[in-house]
N, C-alpha and C. Protein backbone atom coordinates (compact mmCIF):
# COMPACT_ATOMS: atom_id res chain seq x y z
N GLN A 1 0.83 -1.22 0.00
CA GLN A 1 0.00 0.00 0.00
C GLN A 1 0.85 1.26 0.00
N VAL A 2 2.04 1.21 0.59
CA VAL A 2 2.93 2.35 0.67
C VAL A 2 4.30 1.96 0.14
N HIS A 3 4.85 2.82 -0.69
CA HIS A 3 6.17 2.62 -1.26
C HIS A 3 7.07 3.74 -0.78
N LEU A 4 8.18 3.39 -0.16
CA LEU A 4 9.13 4.36 0.35
C LEU A 4 10.42 4.26 -0.43
N VAL A 5 10.95 5.39 -0.84
CA VAL A 5 12.20 5.44 -1.59
C VAL A 5 13.12 6.45 -0.94
N GLU A 6 14.26 5.96 -0.46
CA GLU A 6 15.27 6.82 0.12
C GLU A 6 16.23 7.31 -0.97
N SER A 7 16.76 8.49 -0.77
CA SER A 7 17.74 9.03 -1.68
C SER A 7 18.64 10.00 -0.92
N GLY A 8 19.74 10.38 -1.55
CA GLY A 8 20.63 11.37 -0.97
C GLY A 8 21.89 10.82 -0.35
N GLY A 9 22.01 9.50 -0.29
CA GLY A 9 23.21 8.93 0.26
C GLY A 9 24.39 9.11 -0.67
N GLY A 10 25.56 8.80 -0.15
CA GLY A 10 26.76 8.94 -0.95
C GLY A 10 28.00 8.82 -0.11
N LEU A 11 29.10 9.19 -0.71
CA LEU A 11 30.41 9.16 -0.05
C LEU A 11 30.79 10.57 0.35
N VAL A 12 31.15 10.74 1.61
CA VAL A 12 31.52 12.05 2.12
C VAL A 12 32.66 11.89 3.12
N GLN A 13 33.49 12.90 3.21
CA GLN A 13 34.57 12.88 4.19
C GLN A 13 34.05 13.24 5.57
N ALA A 14 34.76 12.79 6.59
CA ALA A 14 34.40 13.13 7.96
C ALA A 14 34.27 14.63 8.12
N GLY A 15 33.23 15.04 8.82
CA GLY A 15 32.94 16.45 9.01
C GLY A 15 32.00 17.03 7.99
N GLY A 16 31.73 16.29 6.94
CA GLY A 16 30.84 16.75 5.90
C GLY A 16 29.38 16.55 6.24
N SER A 17 28.54 16.89 5.28
CA SER A 17 27.09 16.83 5.47
C SER A 17 26.42 16.12 4.30
N LEU A 18 25.31 15.51 4.60
CA LEU A 18 24.43 14.92 3.60
C LEU A 18 22.99 15.17 4.03
N ARG A 19 22.11 15.22 3.06
CA ARG A 19 20.69 15.36 3.32
C ARG A 19 19.97 14.20 2.65
N LEU A 20 19.39 13.33 3.45
CA LEU A 20 18.64 12.20 2.95
C LEU A 20 17.17 12.56 2.80
N SER A 21 16.55 11.97 1.81
CA SER A 21 15.12 12.14 1.59
C SER A 21 14.44 10.79 1.56
N CYS A 22 13.22 10.76 2.01
CA CYS A 22 12.39 9.57 1.94
C CYS A 22 11.04 9.98 1.39
N ALA A 23 10.77 9.57 0.18
CA ALA A 23 9.53 9.92 -0.49
C ALA A 23 8.56 8.75 -0.42
N ALA A 24 7.36 9.02 0.03
CA ALA A 24 6.32 8.01 0.15
C ALA A 24 5.32 8.16 -0.99
N SER A 25 4.90 7.04 -1.52
CA SER A 25 3.89 7.03 -2.55
C SER A 25 2.92 5.88 -2.30
N GLY A 26 1.83 5.87 -3.04
CA GLY A 26 0.81 4.88 -2.83
C GLY A 26 -0.28 5.41 -1.92
N ARG A 27 -0.67 4.61 -0.96
CA ARG A 27 -1.74 4.97 -0.04
C ARG A 27 -1.16 5.80 1.10
N THR A 28 -0.86 7.04 0.80
CA THR A 28 -0.18 7.91 1.75
C THR A 28 -1.18 8.68 2.60
N ILE A 29 -1.91 7.95 3.41
CA ILE A 29 -2.87 8.55 4.32
C ILE A 29 -2.69 7.95 5.70
N ASN A 30 -3.10 8.71 6.69
CA ASN A 30 -3.13 8.24 8.07
C ASN A 30 -1.76 7.78 8.60
N PHE A 31 -0.72 8.48 8.17
CA PHE A 31 0.58 8.20 8.76
C PHE A 31 0.60 8.69 10.20
N SER A 32 1.11 7.88 11.08
CA SER A 32 1.28 8.30 12.47
C SER A 32 2.66 8.91 12.69
N ASP A 33 3.69 8.24 12.22
CA ASP A 33 5.04 8.79 12.30
C ASP A 33 5.91 8.16 11.22
N MET A 34 7.06 8.77 11.02
CA MET A 34 8.06 8.23 10.13
C MET A 34 9.40 8.26 10.85
N GLU A 35 10.22 7.31 10.52
CA GLU A 35 11.47 7.13 11.25
C GLU A 35 12.62 6.83 10.29
N TRP A 36 13.80 7.13 10.76
CA TRP A 36 15.02 6.72 10.09
C TRP A 36 15.76 5.72 10.97
N TYR A 37 16.19 4.64 10.37
CA TYR A 37 17.06 3.66 10.98
C TYR A 37 18.32 3.53 10.14
N ARG A 38 19.33 2.90 10.71
CA ARG A 38 20.53 2.63 9.94
C ARG A 38 21.11 1.29 10.36
N GLN A 39 21.84 0.70 9.46
CA GLN A 39 22.50 -0.56 9.75
C GLN A 39 23.93 -0.49 9.21
N ALA A 40 24.88 -0.50 10.13
CA ALA A 40 26.28 -0.47 9.78
C ALA A 40 26.78 -1.89 9.56
N PRO A 41 27.88 -2.03 8.83
CA PRO A 41 28.43 -3.37 8.61
C PRO A 41 28.71 -4.09 9.92
N GLY A 42 28.22 -5.30 10.03
CA GLY A 42 28.45 -6.10 11.22
C GLY A 42 27.59 -5.74 12.41
N LYS A 43 26.65 -4.83 12.24
CA LYS A 43 25.80 -4.42 13.34
C LYS A 43 24.33 -4.60 12.98
N GLY A 44 23.50 -4.57 14.01
CA GLY A 44 22.08 -4.63 13.80
C GLY A 44 21.51 -3.28 13.40
N ARG A 45 20.24 -3.30 13.04
CA ARG A 45 19.59 -2.06 12.65
C ARG A 45 19.38 -1.17 13.87
N GLU A 46 19.77 0.09 13.74
CA GLU A 46 19.79 1.05 14.83
C GLU A 46 18.82 2.19 14.56
N PHE A 47 18.05 2.54 15.57
CA PHE A 47 17.17 3.69 15.46
C PHE A 47 17.99 4.97 15.38
N VAL A 48 17.57 5.89 14.51
CA VAL A 48 18.26 7.15 14.33
C VAL A 48 17.39 8.33 14.76
N ALA A 49 16.21 8.45 14.18
CA ALA A 49 15.36 9.60 14.45
C ALA A 49 13.93 9.29 14.04
N SER A 50 12.99 9.98 14.64
CA SER A 50 11.59 9.83 14.28
C SER A 50 10.90 11.18 14.32
N ILE A 51 9.79 11.26 13.61
CA ILE A 51 8.98 12.46 13.62
C ILE A 51 7.52 12.06 13.46
N THR A 52 6.65 12.66 14.26
CA THR A 52 5.23 12.39 14.11
C THR A 52 4.69 13.15 12.91
N TRP A 53 3.75 12.54 12.22
CA TRP A 53 3.25 13.11 10.98
C TRP A 53 2.42 14.35 11.20
N SER A 54 1.62 14.36 12.24
CA SER A 54 0.72 15.48 12.47
C SER A 54 1.39 16.62 13.23
N GLY A 55 1.94 16.32 14.39
CA GLY A 55 2.49 17.37 15.22
C GLY A 55 3.94 17.72 14.96
N GLY A 56 4.67 16.82 14.33
CA GLY A 56 6.07 17.08 14.04
C GLY A 56 7.00 16.91 15.23
N ALA A 57 6.55 16.21 16.25
CA ALA A 57 7.43 15.94 17.39
C ALA A 57 8.56 15.03 16.95
N THR A 58 9.75 15.33 17.43
CA THR A 58 10.94 14.58 17.00
C THR A 58 11.61 13.89 18.16
N TYR A 59 12.33 12.85 17.83
CA TYR A 59 13.10 12.10 18.80
C TYR A 59 14.36 11.60 18.11
N TYR A 60 15.49 11.65 18.83
CA TYR A 60 16.77 11.27 18.24
C TYR A 60 17.51 10.29 19.12
N ALA A 61 18.25 9.43 18.47
CA ALA A 61 19.19 8.60 19.19
C ALA A 61 20.31 9.47 19.74
N ASP A 62 20.84 9.09 20.89
CA ASP A 62 21.91 9.88 21.49
C ASP A 62 23.12 10.00 20.58
N SER A 63 23.36 9.00 19.77
CA SER A 63 24.53 9.00 18.92
C SER A 63 24.50 10.07 17.83
N VAL A 64 23.31 10.58 17.52
CA VAL A 64 23.20 11.57 16.45
C VAL A 64 22.64 12.89 16.93
N LYS A 65 22.21 12.95 18.17
CA LYS A 65 21.60 14.17 18.69
C LYS A 65 22.58 15.34 18.60
N GLY A 66 22.09 16.45 18.09
CA GLY A 66 22.92 17.62 17.91
C GLY A 66 23.61 17.69 16.57
N ARG A 67 23.64 16.58 15.84
CA ARG A 67 24.26 16.54 14.53
C ARG A 67 23.26 16.31 13.41
N PHE A 68 22.24 15.52 13.69
CA PHE A 68 21.23 15.19 12.69
C PHE A 68 19.94 15.93 13.01
N ALA A 69 19.15 16.19 12.00
CA ALA A 69 17.85 16.80 12.17
C ALA A 69 16.85 16.16 11.21
N ILE A 70 15.74 15.70 11.75
CA ILE A 70 14.69 15.12 10.94
C ILE A 70 13.59 16.16 10.73
N SER A 71 13.03 16.17 9.55
CA SER A 71 11.94 17.08 9.24
C SER A 71 11.03 16.41 8.22
N ARG A 72 9.87 17.00 8.01
CA ARG A 72 8.95 16.42 7.03
C ARG A 72 8.18 17.51 6.30
N ASP A 73 7.77 17.17 5.11
CA ASP A 73 6.91 18.00 4.28
C ASP A 73 5.67 17.16 3.99
N ASN A 74 4.61 17.40 4.74
CA ASN A 74 3.42 16.57 4.61
C ASN A 74 2.81 16.64 3.22
N ALA A 75 2.84 17.82 2.61
CA ALA A 75 2.26 17.98 1.29
C ALA A 75 2.99 17.14 0.25
N LYS A 76 4.28 16.94 0.44
CA LYS A 76 5.08 16.16 -0.49
C LYS A 76 5.25 14.71 -0.05
N ASN A 77 4.66 14.36 1.09
CA ASN A 77 4.80 13.01 1.63
C ASN A 77 6.27 12.60 1.72
N THR A 78 7.06 13.51 2.22
CA THR A 78 8.50 13.31 2.24
C THR A 78 9.07 13.64 3.61
N VAL A 79 10.00 12.82 4.04
CA VAL A 79 10.73 13.04 5.28
C VAL A 79 12.20 13.20 4.94
N TYR A 80 12.86 14.09 5.66
CA TYR A 80 14.26 14.38 5.41
C TYR A 80 15.09 14.08 6.65
N LEU A 81 16.34 13.81 6.41
CA LEU A 81 17.31 13.67 7.48
C LEU A 81 18.54 14.47 7.10
N GLN A 82 18.71 15.61 7.74
CA GLN A 82 19.90 16.42 7.54
C GLN A 82 20.98 15.91 8.47
N MET A 83 22.10 15.52 7.90
CA MET A 83 23.19 14.94 8.66
C MET A 83 24.41 15.86 8.55
N ASN A 84 24.82 16.40 9.66
CA ASN A 84 25.98 17.28 9.72
C ASN A 84 27.07 16.66 10.59
N SER A 85 28.26 17.19 10.44
CA SER A 85 29.40 16.71 11.22
C SER A 85 29.51 15.20 11.19
N LEU A 86 29.44 14.66 10.01
CA LEU A 86 29.43 13.21 9.85
C LEU A 86 30.74 12.59 10.31
N LYS A 87 30.60 11.43 10.89
CA LYS A 87 31.73 10.67 11.41
C LYS A 87 31.81 9.33 10.69
N PRO A 88 32.99 8.73 10.66
CA PRO A 88 33.09 7.42 10.03
C PRO A 88 32.12 6.40 10.61
N GLU A 89 31.83 6.49 11.89
CA GLU A 89 30.90 5.56 12.52
C GLU A 89 29.46 5.77 12.07
N ASP A 90 29.19 6.84 11.33
CA ASP A 90 27.87 7.03 10.74
C ASP A 90 27.68 6.22 9.47
N THR A 91 28.75 5.62 9.00
CA THR A 91 28.66 4.80 7.79
C THR A 91 27.67 3.67 7.99
N ALA A 92 26.69 3.60 7.12
CA ALA A 92 25.64 2.60 7.24
C ALA A 92 24.70 2.73 6.06
N ILE A 93 23.85 1.75 5.93
CA ILE A 93 22.70 1.89 5.06
C ILE A 93 21.58 2.51 5.89
N TYR A 94 21.03 3.58 5.39
CA TYR A 94 19.98 4.31 6.09
C TYR A 94 18.63 3.95 5.50
N TYR A 95 17.73 3.54 6.38
CA TYR A 95 16.40 3.10 5.99
C TYR A 95 15.34 4.04 6.54
N CYS A 96 14.35 4.30 5.75
CA CYS A 96 13.18 5.05 6.17
C CYS A 96 12.04 4.08 6.44
N ASN A 97 11.26 4.36 7.46
CA ASN A 97 10.04 3.59 7.64
C ASN A 97 8.88 4.53 7.94
N ALA A 98 7.68 4.01 7.70
CA ALA A 98 6.46 4.77 7.93
C ALA A 98 5.46 3.88 8.64
N ASP A 99 4.85 4.42 9.66
CA ASP A 99 3.80 3.73 10.39
C ASP A 99 2.46 4.33 9.98
N GLN A 100 1.56 3.47 9.55
CA GLN A 100 0.28 3.91 9.02
C GLN A 100 -0.85 3.33 9.86
N LEU A 101 -1.68 4.21 10.36
CA LEU A 101 -2.81 3.79 11.18
C LEU A 101 -3.99 3.45 10.28
N GLU A 102 -4.53 2.25 10.46
CA GLU A 102 -5.66 1.79 9.66
C GLU A 102 -6.95 1.95 10.45
N LEU A 103 -8.06 1.93 9.73
CA LEU A 103 -9.36 1.93 10.38
C LEU A 103 -9.47 0.70 11.27
N GLY A 104 -9.97 0.89 12.44
CA GLY A 104 -10.04 -0.19 13.41
C GLY A 104 -8.89 -0.19 14.38
N GLY A 105 -7.90 0.66 14.14
CA GLY A 105 -6.82 0.82 15.09
C GLY A 105 -5.56 0.02 14.81
N SER A 106 -5.54 -0.77 13.75
CA SER A 106 -4.34 -1.53 13.45
C SER A 106 -3.28 -0.63 12.82
N MET A 107 -2.04 -1.06 12.92
CA MET A 107 -0.91 -0.29 12.42
C MET A 107 -0.13 -1.12 11.42
N GLU A 108 0.19 -0.51 10.29
CA GLU A 108 1.04 -1.13 9.29
C GLU A 108 2.35 -0.37 9.21
N THR A 109 3.44 -1.10 9.08
CA THR A 109 4.76 -0.51 9.00
C THR A 109 5.39 -0.84 7.65
N TYR A 110 5.94 0.17 7.00
CA TYR A 110 6.56 0.00 5.70
C TYR A 110 8.00 0.48 5.76
N TRP A 111 8.83 -0.16 4.96
CA TRP A 111 10.25 0.15 4.91
C TRP A 111 10.70 0.43 3.49
N GLY A 112 11.63 1.36 3.36
CA GLY A 112 12.31 1.54 2.11
C GLY A 112 13.45 0.54 1.98
N ARG A 113 14.10 0.55 0.84
CA ARG A 113 15.20 -0.37 0.61
C ARG A 113 16.55 0.17 1.06
N GLY A 114 16.60 1.42 1.44
CA GLY A 114 17.80 1.99 2.02
C GLY A 114 18.65 2.77 1.04
N THR A 115 19.46 3.64 1.60
CA THR A 115 20.44 4.39 0.83
C THR A 115 21.76 4.36 1.58
N GLN A 116 22.83 4.13 0.86
CA GLN A 116 24.14 3.95 1.47
C GLN A 116 24.78 5.29 1.79
N VAL A 117 25.24 5.42 3.03
CA VAL A 117 26.03 6.57 3.45
C VAL A 117 27.40 6.05 3.87
N THR A 118 28.43 6.57 3.27
CA THR A 118 29.79 6.18 3.59
C THR A 118 30.59 7.42 3.96
N VAL A 119 31.15 7.41 5.15
CA VAL A 119 31.93 8.54 5.65
C VAL A 119 33.37 8.09 5.80
N SER A 120 34.25 8.72 5.08
CA SER A 120 35.66 8.36 5.11
C SER A 120 36.39 9.19 6.16
N SER A 121 37.41 8.60 6.76
CA SER A 121 38.18 9.27 7.79
C SER A 121 39.35 10.03 7.20
């Protein structure tokens, strides 16, 4: 029902910046929140940031707080992740997800396929 496509990843030197985008298409209604996760080589998937769709409340992992900023454009069904002061340990595949509230109170979760961020030292 929902298709998520991440973009904006790439190769950057330590201290640089990238801006990731996550565009949602399909049945883009009743989103409760959208989140960014990442998975580094040899590690599990790690929560990065979230934002509620209606109120725009944000939450960040301690590892990125003060460096990353999540935002959204509801009209464009797009969520962004501005990443500043990048560190080599930020190297990972970054995934977007969306939580969609259905009639009756059930929740569906959708994931994008990810975009690679590589930070060189």
